[in-house]
Amino acid sequence: MNSLSIVVPVYNSEGSLPLLIERLEPALTGLERDYEIILVNDGSRDRSWEVIEALVETHPHVRGINLMRNYGQHNALLCGIRAAHHDIIITLDDDLQNPPEEIPKLLAKLDEGFDVVYGTPQKQQHGLWRDMASTITKLALQGAMGAETARKVSAFRAFRTQVREAFASYRSAFVSIDVLLTWGTTRFAAVTVQHDPRRMGVSNYTFRKLVTLALNMMTGFSTWPLQLASLIGFGFTLFGIGVLVWVLGRYLILGYSVPGFPFLASVITIFAGAQLFALGIMGEYLARMYSRTMDKPSYAIREHAHPAMAENNRP
């Protein structure tokens, strides 16, 4: 049977990590497969790394990776995905909203021939603003993933490790795991899973952060904003031609043109706004190109913690 690598990005979760491992291990042991649990500390400001080191010492299947600073959830996921050793990678959050007991549902669907399976919550356990921001993010994903798949995207996902070969050389600081997965396969599926309320703490994903993520995905992994700018420019060109025809026709038929400055000023304002909009979109793409020329890494690792090290540190 296929072996499993569980990748968990960790940020300020010292309280929930022991509970997560306490539930993960029985769920994975029951599957009778080889497995590893990779906890990636994404620059936590609490004692999360100390907790991870303690878990590594007492749980032989747990490995820890400590990043140099906070890079973001998807960057931490990319680090853990590249460090995975087994046939299938499963990602889930560190807050126990993704029940480990639901992992068999993802694996069963994966066995049907799919390469990526999402665990879609039956009911989101978030507030109004977080749900709205999540919707915006999924709309941004539709261009790359297709409308049906994007609506079912979640942080609880299982995919075949070989899919990561499609983005093995990806180095940009802007990371979206869901978009990168589309580089390797089109065989996506989703199953409905339970979604529990948070046991402790609050979500680190604010409305602003999710909207920023959506904008990064639109300008970092898609060309449709440029196409939108072209369409807007083309549309306003047609509008300008129409206004010109109307003014000339009115002059030829009635003998006078439209009087007054307000009409002319409004037309100029419309065209200026369209130009600035298009320039803004092109500026976003130039900023992405500039960032990539700096070769800024997706993440940097400070240290590792794995069972062999823990064994050597024991007296």
Foldseek 3Di string as FASTA:
>chain_A
DWEEEEEEEDAQPLPQQVVQCVQQPVLRVVVVHHYAYEYEYQAHPDCNVVSLQVCQLVPQRYKYFYFPHHLDDQLSRLVSLVVDDTFKYWYDYRQCQARSNCVVVQVVVVVVPFFKEAAAEPDDPDDPLVVVLLVLLLVLCCVQQNNVQSVRHDRTMMGTSVLCVLCPPPFFLQGDPVSSSSSRDNRYYYDYDHGDHGPDDDDPCGSVNSNVNSVCSNLVPHCVLLVVLVVLLVVLVVVVVVVVVVQVVCCVPVVHGDDDDVVVVVNVVSNVVSVVSNVVSVVSNVVSVVRVVVSHGNTGTDDMHHNVVSVVPDD
